[in-house]
Amino acid sequence: MEKKNNLLILGVFIALGLIVLGISINSGLRSFSNKERVVTVKGLAEQYMKATDATISIGVSFTGDEPKSLTSTLNGKIAKITEYLKSKGYNTLITGNLYIYDSKSYYEERWNGDNYVKVKKDRYRASRDITIKLKDVEKAADITNSIDNDLINRDLSSDVTCSYAFPELNSIKPQLIAESTKNARAAGEQFAKDSKSKLGKIKTATQGQISIAGQYYDEEDSNATSPSEPYLQKARVVSTIVFFLED
């Protein structure tokens, strides 16, 4: 009888142990499941950057075989262009140094359809430029076209171009990252609300590379709309964040 009671007591303890173990396993599985409930969202941030200033460059060049006469012709044209610019009120001009390139040859080979033949060419190229700095970046393109046309009409045709200087990307980078993270969290919170959950802590986060879209930027992001104005660029960043979801 005593042996039977001992076996009964042992059976009760084993049963209780199995119940506790089951509860523990179930609790652990639920906890593990909760930790793996996640949502992946993306946050986009964009910001326009306006040029700080513009530079109009007027390039003048001539080719010839005599450096002395070439230099004289070049400087004569530079003087006439300078006179015209000052008459238009551009008194702060920067005239670059004279540069002469020597090709070391008076001939070059060209294909005439049957074979290569030697053709006479100018040995030297002399070049010099004039630059104008402008703060009114919105009018810089129109001013450039006006100067180009005026020089053509005065038989002073030159290579007239316009370039822009933009703020350093690092000056807006922290703001872009903060904005993209904020937008990602807002998307995550909306998802959590729709699924009757709560948004938890960040599991992982990846900040995408900041891209630039604009007429004067070679690595334009194909997903970003490029500003039509030449004095504007658009910085763009996409952050990918994985949040835990909680009941």
C-alpha atoms as a PDB file:
ATOM      1  CA  MET A   1       0.000   0.000   0.000  1.00  0.00           C
ATOM      2  CA  GLU A   2       2.791   2.368   0.917  1.00  0.00           C
ATOM      3  CA  LYS A   3       4.586   1.520  -2.319  1.00  0.00           C
ATOM      4  CA  LYS A   4       1.424   2.298  -4.265  1.00  0.00           C
ATOM      5  CA  ASN A   5       1.078   5.687  -2.547  1.00  0.00           C
ATOM      6  CA  ASN A   6       4.704   6.521  -3.323  1.00  0.00           C
ATOM      7  CA  LEU A   7       4.145   5.740  -6.970  1.00  0.00           C
ATOM      8  CA  LEU A   8       1.026   7.913  -6.988  1.00  0.00           C
ATOM      9  CA  ILE A   9       2.896  10.829  -5.445  1.00  0.00           C
ATOM     10  CA  LEU A  10       5.735  10.387  -7.919  1.00  0.00           C
ATOM     11  CA  GLY A  11       3.235  10.391 -10.770  1.00  0.00           C
ATOM     12  CA  VAL A  12       1.690  13.630  -9.510  1.00  0.00           C
ATOM     13  CA  PHE A  13       5.103  15.319  -9.358  1.00  0.00           C
ATOM     14  CA  ILE A  14       5.967  14.132 -12.849  1.00  0.00           C
ATOM     15  CA  ALA A  15       2.634  15.435 -14.144  1.00  0.00           C
ATOM     16  CA  LEU A  16       3.181  18.795 -12.477  1.00  0.00           C
ATOM     17  CA  GLY A  17       6.690  18.948 -13.881  1.00  0.00           C
ATOM     18  CA  LEU A  18       5.436  18.267 -17.380  1.00  0.00           C
ATOM     19  CA  ILE A  19       2.799  20.980 -17.004  1.00  0.00           C
ATOM     20  CA  VAL A  20       5.380  23.535 -15.833  1.00  0.00           C
ATOM     21  CA  LEU A  21       7.736  22.519 -18.625  1.00  0.00           C
ATOM     22  CA  GLY A  22       4.949  22.895 -21.178  1.00  0.00           C
ATOM     23  CA  ILE A  23       4.063  26.342 -19.895  1.00  0.00           C
ATOM     24  CA  SER A  24       7.717  27.375 -20.030  1.00  0.00           C
ATOM     25  CA  ILE A  25       8.181  26.089 -23.556  1.00  0.00           C
ATOM     26  CA  ASN A  26       4.981  27.782 -24.702  1.00  0.00           C
ATOM     27  CA  SER A  27       6.024  31.054 -23.084  1.00  0.00           C
ATOM     28  CA  GLY A  28       9.437  30.825 -24.683  1.00  0.00           C
ATOM     29  CA  LEU A  29       8.003  30.139 -28.106  1.00  0.00           C
ATOM     30  CA  ARG A  30       5.620  33.060 -27.806  1.00  0.00           C
ATOM     31  CA  SER A  31       8.455  35.317 -26.695  1.00  0.00           C
ATOM     32  CA  PHE A  32      10.613  34.161 -29.612  1.00  0.00           C
ATOM     33  CA  SER A  33       7.710  34.653 -31.999  1.00  0.00           C
ATOM     34  CA  ASN A  34       7.144  38.189 -30.717  1.00  0.00           C
ATOM     35  CA  LYS A  35      10.793  39.050 -31.247  1.00  0.00           C
ATOM     36  CA  GLU A  36      10.577  37.893 -34.858  1.00  0.00           C
ATOM     37  CA  ARG A  37       7.499  39.978 -35.632  1.00  0.00           C
ATOM     38  CA  VAL A  38       9.024  42.797 -37.616  1.00  0.00           C
ATOM     39  CA  VAL A  39       8.129  45.328 -40.290  1.00  0.00           C
ATOM     40  CA  THR A  40      10.519  46.744 -42.890  1.00  0.00           C
ATOM     41  CA  VAL A  41       9.833  50.308 -44.023  1.00  0.00           C
ATOM     42  CA  LYS A  42      11.601  52.914 -46.125  1.00  0.00           C
ATOM     43  CA  GLY A  43      11.874  56.618 -45.406  1.00  0.00           C
ATOM     44  CA  LEU A  44      12.510  59.139 -48.190  1.00  0.00           C
ATOM     45  CA  ALA A  45      13.911  62.633 -47.707  1.00  0.00           C
ATOM     46  CA  GLU A  46      14.592  65.208 -50.429  1.00  0.00           C
ATOM     47  CA  GLN A  47      15.935  68.735 -50.297  1.00  0.00           C
ATOM     48  CA  TYR A  48      16.655  71.343 -52.954  1.00  0.00           C
ATOM     49  CA  MET A  49      19.996  73.120 -52.962  1.00  0.00           C
ATOM     50  CA  LYS A  50      20.360  76.498 -54.652  1.00  0.00           C
ATOM     51  CA  ALA A  51      23.711  77.543 -56.130  1.00  0.00           C
ATOM     52  CA  THR A  52      25.674  80.040 -54.075  1.00  0.00           C
ATOM     53  CA  ASP A  53      27.201  81.737 -57.129  1.00  0.00           C
ATOM     54  CA  ALA A  54      27.743  81.363 -60.865  1.00  0.00           C
ATOM     55  CA  THR A  55      30.812  81.719 -63.061  1.00  0.00           C
ATOM     56  CA  ILE A  56      30.695  82.766 -66.711  1.00  0.00           C
ATOM     57  CA  SER A  57      33.812  81.680 -68.590  1.00  0.00           C
ATOM     58  CA  ILE A  58      34.818  83.125 -71.950  1.00  0.00           C
ATOM     59  CA  GLY A  59      37.477  80.960 -73.566  1.00  0.00           C
ATOM     60  CA  VAL A  60      39.571  82.404 -76.395  1.00  0.00           C
ATOM     61  CA  SER A  61      41.982  80.301 -78.471  1.00  0.00           C
ATOM     62  CA  PHE A  62      43.916  80.465 -81.737  1.00  0.00           C
ATOM     63  CA  THR A  63      46.173  78.075 -83.601  1.00  0.00           C
ATOM     64  CA  GLY A  64      49.201  78.860 -85.743  1.00  0.00           C
ATOM     65  CA  ASP A  65      52.831  78.153 -86.441  1.00  0.00           C
ATOM     66  CA  GLU A  66      54.377  81.298 -84.919  1.00  0.00           C
ATOM     67  CA  PRO A  67      53.954  81.660 -81.131  1.00  0.00           C
ATOM     68  CA  LYS A  68      54.771  85.391 -81.174  1.00  0.00           C
ATOM     69  CA  SER A  69      52.130  86.390 -83.740  1.00  0.00           C
ATOM     70  CA  LEU A  70      49.697  83.902 -82.210  1.00  0.00           C
ATOM     71  CA  THR A  71      50.063  85.526 -78.802  1.00  0.00           C
ATOM     72  CA  SER A  72      49.591  88.995 -80.281  1.00  0.00           C
ATOM     73  CA  THR A  73      46.386  87.959 -82.066  1.00  0.00           C
ATOM     74  CA  LEU A  74      45.039  86.284 -78.945  1.00  0.00           C
ATOM     75  CA  ASN A  75      45.745  89.250 -76.657  1.00  0.00           C
ATOM     76  CA  GLY A  76      44.167  91.592 -79.186  1.00  0.00           C
ATOM     77  CA  LYS A  77      40.910  89.646 -79.057  1.00  0.00           C
ATOM     78  CA  ILE A  78      41.055  89.457 -75.268  1.00  0.00           C
ATOM     79  CA  ALA A  79      41.389  93.262 -75.135  1.00  0.00           C
ATOM     80  CA  LYS A  80      38.326  93.762 -77.378  1.00  0.00           C
ATOM     81  CA  ILE A  81      36.207  91.335 -75.338  1.00  0.00           C
ATOM     82  CA  THR A  82      37.299  93.028 -72.106  1.00  0.00           C
ATOM     83  CA  GLU A  83      36.321  96.415 -73.532  1.00  0.00           C
ATOM     84  CA  TYR A  84      32.885  95.091 -74.469  1.00  0.00           C
ATOM     85  CA  LEU A  85      32.309  93.522 -71.049  1.00  0.00           C
ATOM     86  CA  LYS A  86      33.241  96.711 -69.218  1.00  0.00           C
ATOM     87  CA  SER A  87      30.847  98.669 -71.426  1.00  0.00           C
ATOM     88  CA  LYS A  88      28.140  96.329 -70.119  1.00  0.00           C
ATOM     89  CA  GLY A  89      29.097  97.065 -66.518  1.00  0.00           C
ATOM     90  CA  TYR A  90      31.209  93.989 -65.801  1.00  0.00           C
ATOM     91  CA  ASN A  91      34.208  95.681 -64.270  1.00  0.00           C
ATOM     92  CA  THR A  92      35.374  92.872 -61.985  1.00  0.00           C
ATOM     93  CA  LEU A  93      36.926  90.531 -64.509  1.00  0.00           C
ATOM     94  CA  ILE A  94      39.469  87.765 -63.992  1.00  0.00           C
ATOM     95  CA  THR A  95      41.780  87.203 -66.948  1.00  0.00           C
ATOM     96  CA  GLY A  96      43.609  83.900 -66.933  1.00  0.00           C
ATOM     97  CA  ASN A  97      47.218  83.286 -67.820  1.00  0.00           C
ATOM     98  CA  LEU A  98      48.302  82.706 -71.399  1.00  0.00           C
ATOM     99  CA  TYR A  99      48.742  79.017 -72.200  1.00  0.00           C
ATOM    100  CA  ILE A 100      50.548  77.791 -75.334  1.00  0.00           C
ATOM    101  CA  TYR A 101      50.446  74.122 -76.321  1.00  0.00           C
ATOM    102  CA  ASP A 102      53.107  72.792 -78.668  1.00  0.00           C
ATOM    103  CA  SER A 103      52.085  69.642 -80.569  1.00  0.00           C
ATOM    104  CA  LYS A 104      55.716  69.194 -81.736  1.00  0.00           C
ATOM    105  CA  SER A 105      54.539  68.563 -85.304  1.00  0.00           C
ATOM    106  CA  TYR A 106      53.333  70.453 -88.371  1.00  0.00           C
ATOM    107  CA  TYR A 107      51.622  67.442 -89.924  1.00  0.00           C
ATOM    108  CA  GLU A 108      49.156  64.738 -89.022  1.00  0.00           C
ATOM    109  CA  GLU A 109      48.044  61.589 -90.791  1.00  0.00           C
ATOM    110  CA  ARG A 110      44.491  61.381 -92.081  1.00  0.00           C
ATOM    111  CA  TRP A 111      42.629  58.632 -93.935  1.00  0.00           C
ATOM    112  CA  ASN A 112      41.539  59.734 -97.409  1.00  0.00           C
ATOM    113  CA  GLY A 113      39.562  56.592 -98.230  1.00  0.00           C
ATOM    114  CA  ASP A 114      42.443  54.625 -99.708  1.00  0.00           C
ATOM    115  CA  ASN A 115      45.386  55.217 -97.405  1.00  0.00           C
ATOM    116  CA  TYR A 116      46.804  57.585 -94.817  1.00  0.00           C
ATOM    117  CA  VAL A 117      48.235  60.883 -96.063  1.00  0.00           C
ATOM    118  CA  LYS A 118      50.099  63.649 -94.285  1.00  0.00           C
ATOM    119  CA  VAL A 119      48.101  66.836 -93.863  1.00  0.00           C
ATOM    120  CA  LYS A 120      49.473  70.217 -92.744  1.00  0.00           C
ATOM    121  CA  LYS A 121      48.271  71.383 -89.359  1.00  0.00           C
ATOM    122  CA  ASP A 122      49.015  74.283 -87.000  1.00  0.00           C
ATOM    123  CA  ARG A 123      51.707  73.340 -84.550  1.00  0.00           C
ATOM    124  CA  TYR A 124      50.762  75.688 -81.702  1.00  0.00           C
ATOM    125  CA  ARG A 125      47.548  76.449 -79.842  1.00  0.00           C
ATOM    126  CA  ALA A 126      47.344  79.556 -77.655  1.00  0.00           C
ATOM    127  CA  SER A 127      44.471  79.977 -75.202  1.00  0.00           C
ATOM    128  CA  ARG A 128      43.334  82.345 -72.498  1.00  0.00           C
ATOM    129  CA  ASP A 129      40.077  82.947 -70.676  1.00  0.00           C
ATOM    130  CA  ILE A 130      38.075  85.650 -68.956  1.00  0.00           C
ATOM    131  CA  THR A 131      35.741  84.849 -66.053  1.00  0.00           C
ATOM    132  CA  ILE A 132      32.896  86.776 -64.468  1.00  0.00           C
ATOM    133  CA  LYS A 133      31.569  85.933 -60.989  1.00  0.00           C
ATOM    134  CA  LEU A 134      27.850  86.419 -60.375  1.00  0.00           C
ATOM    135  CA  LYS A 135      25.724  86.176 -57.245  1.00  0.00           C
ATOM    136  CA  ASP A 136      22.438  86.432 -59.147  1.00  0.00           C
ATOM    137  CA  VAL A 137      22.400  82.766 -60.119  1.00  0.00           C
ATOM    138  CA  GLU A 138      18.850  82.905 -61.460  1.00  0.00           C
ATOM    139  CA  LYS A 139      19.882  85.289 -64.242  1.00  0.00           C
ATOM    140  CA  ALA A 140      23.291  83.756 -64.984  1.00  0.00           C
ATOM    141  CA  ALA A 141      22.087  81.543 -67.863  1.00  0.00           C
ATOM    142  CA  ASP A 142      20.344  84.439 -69.634  1.00  0.00           C
ATOM    143  CA  ILE A 143      23.393  86.675 -69.165  1.00  0.00           C
ATOM    144  CA  THR A 144      25.612  83.950 -70.616  1.00  0.00           C
ATOM    145  CA  ASN A 145      23.449  83.648 -73.736  1.00  0.00           C
ATOM    146  CA  SER A 146      23.348  87.427 -74.154  1.00  0.00           C
ATOM    147  CA  ILE A 147      27.147  87.720 -73.952  1.00  0.00           C
ATOM    148  CA  ASP A 148      27.589  84.825 -76.386  1.00  0.00           C
ATOM    149  CA  ASN A 149      25.259  86.416 -78.963  1.00  0.00           C
ATOM    150  CA  ASP A 150      26.842  89.866 -78.600  1.00  0.00           C
ATOM    151  CA  LEU A 151      30.332  88.455 -79.153  1.00  0.00           C
ATOM    152  CA  ILE A 152      29.197  86.607 -82.282  1.00  0.00           C
ATOM    153  CA  ASN A 153      27.641  89.801 -83.664  1.00  0.00           C
ATOM    154  CA  ARG A 154      30.914  91.665 -82.991  1.00  0.00           C
ATOM    155  CA  ASP A 155      32.970  88.997 -84.763  1.00  0.00           C
ATOM    156  CA  LEU A 156      34.474  88.035 -81.393  1.00  0.00           C
ATOM    157  CA  SER A 157      32.998  84.535 -81.244  1.00  0.00           C
ATOM    158  CA  SER A 158      34.356  82.585 -78.249  1.00  0.00           C
ATOM    159  CA  ASP A 159      33.570  79.572 -76.079  1.00  0.00           C
ATOM    160  CA  VAL A 160      31.116  81.046 -73.541  1.00  0.00           C
ATOM    161  CA  THR A 161      29.953  78.735 -70.742  1.00  0.00           C
ATOM    162  CA  CYS A 162      28.290  79.022 -67.340  1.00  0.00           C
ATOM    163  CA  SER A 163      28.932  76.913 -64.222  1.00  0.00           C
ATOM    164  CA  TYR A 164      27.499  76.953 -60.710  1.00  0.00           C
ATOM    165  CA  ALA A 165      28.868  76.399 -57.217  1.00  0.00           C
ATOM    166  CA  PHE A 166      26.613  74.560 -54.760  1.00  0.00           C
ATOM    167  CA  PRO A 167      26.696  74.194 -50.963  1.00  0.00           C
ATOM    168  CA  GLU A 168      28.688  71.306 -49.495  1.00  0.00           C
ATOM    169  CA  LEU A 169      26.585  68.150 -49.203  1.00  0.00           C
ATOM    170  CA  ASN A 170      27.807  67.625 -45.634  1.00  0.00           C
ATOM    171  CA  SER A 171      26.004  70.822 -44.609  1.00  0.00           C
ATOM    172  CA  ILE A 172      22.583  69.201 -45.204  1.00  0.00           C
ATOM    173  CA  LYS A 173      23.446  65.526 -44.710  1.00  0.00           C
ATOM    174  CA  PRO A 174      22.417  65.297 -40.999  1.00  0.00           C
ATOM    175  CA  GLN A 175      19.077  66.965 -41.736  1.00  0.00           C
ATOM    176  CA  LEU A 176      18.394  64.590 -44.655  1.00  0.00           C
ATOM    177  CA  ILE A 177      19.154  61.496 -42.575  1.00  0.00           C
ATOM    178  CA  ALA A 178      16.992  62.687 -39.677  1.00  0.00           C
ATOM    179  CA  GLU A 179      14.096  63.415 -42.042  1.00  0.00           C
ATOM    180  CA  SER A 180      14.328  60.039 -43.792  1.00  0.00           C
ATOM    181  CA  THR A 181      14.394  58.238 -40.411  1.00  0.00           C
ATOM    182  CA  LYS A 182      11.370  60.231 -39.228  1.00  0.00           C
ATOM    183  CA  ASN A 183       9.419  59.337 -42.376  1.00  0.00           C
ATOM    184  CA  ALA A 184      10.342  55.655 -42.017  1.00  0.00           C
ATOM    185  CA  ARG A 185       9.059  55.623 -38.417  1.00  0.00           C
ATOM    186  CA  ALA A 186       5.801  57.261 -39.526  1.00  0.00           C
ATOM    187  CA  ALA A 187       5.305  54.531 -42.118  1.00  0.00           C
ATOM    188  CA  GLY A 188       6.071  51.866 -39.516  1.00  0.00           C
ATOM    189  CA  GLU A 189       3.600  53.342 -37.028  1.00  0.00           C
ATOM    190  CA  GLN A 190       0.866  53.353 -39.644  1.00  0.00           C
ATOM    191  CA  PHE A 191       1.526  49.688 -40.434  1.00  0.00           C
ATOM    192  CA  ALA A 192       1.500  48.791 -36.744  1.00  0.00           C
ATOM    193  CA  LYS A 193      -1.797  50.631 -36.273  1.00  0.00           C
ATOM    194  CA  ASP A 194      -3.387  48.838 -39.228  1.00  0.00           C
ATOM    195  CA  SER A 195      -2.232  45.453 -37.859  1.00  0.00           C
ATOM    196  CA  LYS A 196      -3.398  46.325 -34.315  1.00  0.00           C
ATOM    197  CA  SER A 197       0.143  46.209 -32.984  1.00  0.00           C
ATOM    198  CA  LYS A 198       2.623  48.652 -31.498  1.00  0.00           C
ATOM    199  CA  LEU A 199       5.842  49.753 -33.109  1.00  0.00           C
ATOM    200  CA  GLY A 200       8.837  48.585 -31.094  1.00  0.00           C
ATOM    201  CA  LYS A 201      12.550  49.268 -31.178  1.00  0.00           C
ATOM    202  CA  ILE A 202      14.721  49.322 -34.280  1.00  0.00           C
ATOM    203  CA  LYS A 203      16.147  45.930 -35.209  1.00  0.00           C
ATOM    204  CA  THR A 204      18.342  47.051 -38.101  1.00  0.00           C
ATOM    205  CA  ALA A 205      18.739  50.245 -40.107  1.00  0.00           C
ATOM    206  CA  THR A 206      20.413  50.955 -43.427  1.00  0.00           C
ATOM    207  CA  GLN A 207      21.024  54.434 -44.707  1.00  0.00           C
ATOM    208  CA  GLY A 208      21.043  54.615 -48.481  1.00  0.00           C
ATOM    209  CA  GLN A 209      23.669  56.615 -50.338  1.00  0.00           C
ATOM    210  CA  ILE A 210      22.788  60.262 -50.807  1.00  0.00           C
ATOM    211  CA  SER A 211      22.226  60.974 -54.496  1.00  0.00           C
ATOM    212  CA  ILE A 212      22.094  64.261 -56.383  1.00  0.00           C
ATOM    213  CA  ALA A 213      19.819  65.142 -59.302  1.00  0.00           C
ATOM    214  CA  GLY A 214      20.464  68.203 -61.438  1.00  0.00           C
ATOM    215  CA  GLN A 215      21.489  69.400 -64.891  1.00  0.00           C
ATOM    216  CA  TYR A 216      25.121  69.859 -63.877  1.00  0.00           C
ATOM    217  CA  TYR A 217      25.565  66.600 -61.976  1.00  0.00           C
ATOM    218  CA  ASP A 218      26.788  63.491 -63.813  1.00  0.00           C
ATOM    219  CA  GLU A 219      25.631  60.842 -61.297  1.00  0.00           C
ATOM    220  CA  GLU A 220      21.956  61.686 -61.411  1.00  0.00           C
ATOM    221  CA  ASP A 221      19.660  59.283 -59.599  1.00  0.00           C
ATOM    222  CA  SER A 222      17.295  57.746 -62.154  1.00  0.00           C
ATOM    223  CA  ASN A 223      14.543  57.563 -59.516  1.00  0.00           C
ATOM    224  CA  ALA A 224      14.665  61.266 -58.766  1.00  0.00           C
ATOM    225  CA  THR A 225      13.096  64.032 -60.800  1.00  0.00           C
ATOM    226  CA  SER A 226      15.805  66.410 -61.963  1.00  0.00           C
ATOM    227  CA  PRO A 227      15.228  70.151 -61.372  1.00  0.00           C
ATOM    228  CA  SER A 228      14.763  72.009 -64.650  1.00  0.00           C
ATOM    229  CA  GLU A 229      16.586  75.122 -63.409  1.00  0.00           C
ATOM    230  CA  PRO A 230      20.385  74.882 -63.860  1.00  0.00           C
ATOM    231  CA  TYR A 231      21.030  76.681 -60.550  1.00  0.00           C
ATOM    232  CA  LEU A 232      19.183  74.001 -58.539  1.00  0.00           C
ATOM    233  CA  GLN A 233      20.153  70.518 -57.392  1.00  0.00           C
ATOM    234  CA  LYS A 234      18.088  68.026 -55.409  1.00  0.00           C
ATOM    235  CA  ALA A 235      19.663  65.861 -52.729  1.00  0.00           C
ATOM    236  CA  ARG A 236      17.854  62.581 -52.016  1.00  0.00           C
ATOM    237  CA  VAL A 237      18.323  59.788 -49.486  1.00  0.00           C
ATOM    238  CA  VAL A 238      16.315  56.641 -48.685  1.00  0.00           C
ATOM    239  CA  SER A 239      16.718  54.896 -45.314  1.00  0.00           C
ATOM    240  CA  THR A 240      15.574  51.293 -44.794  1.00  0.00           C
ATOM    241  CA  ILE A 241      14.629  50.440 -41.192  1.00  0.00           C
ATOM    242  CA  VAL A 242      13.392  47.182 -39.646  1.00  0.00           C
ATOM    243  CA  PHE A 243      11.213  47.689 -36.530  1.00  0.00           C
ATOM    244  CA  PHE A 244      10.001  45.095 -34.010  1.00  0.00           C
ATOM    245  CA  LEU A 245       6.241  44.790 -33.643  1.00  0.00           C
ATOM    246  CA  GLU A 246       4.696  44.378 -30.198  1.00  0.00           C
ATOM    247  CA  ASP A 247       1.214  43.359 -29.025  1.00  0.00           C
END
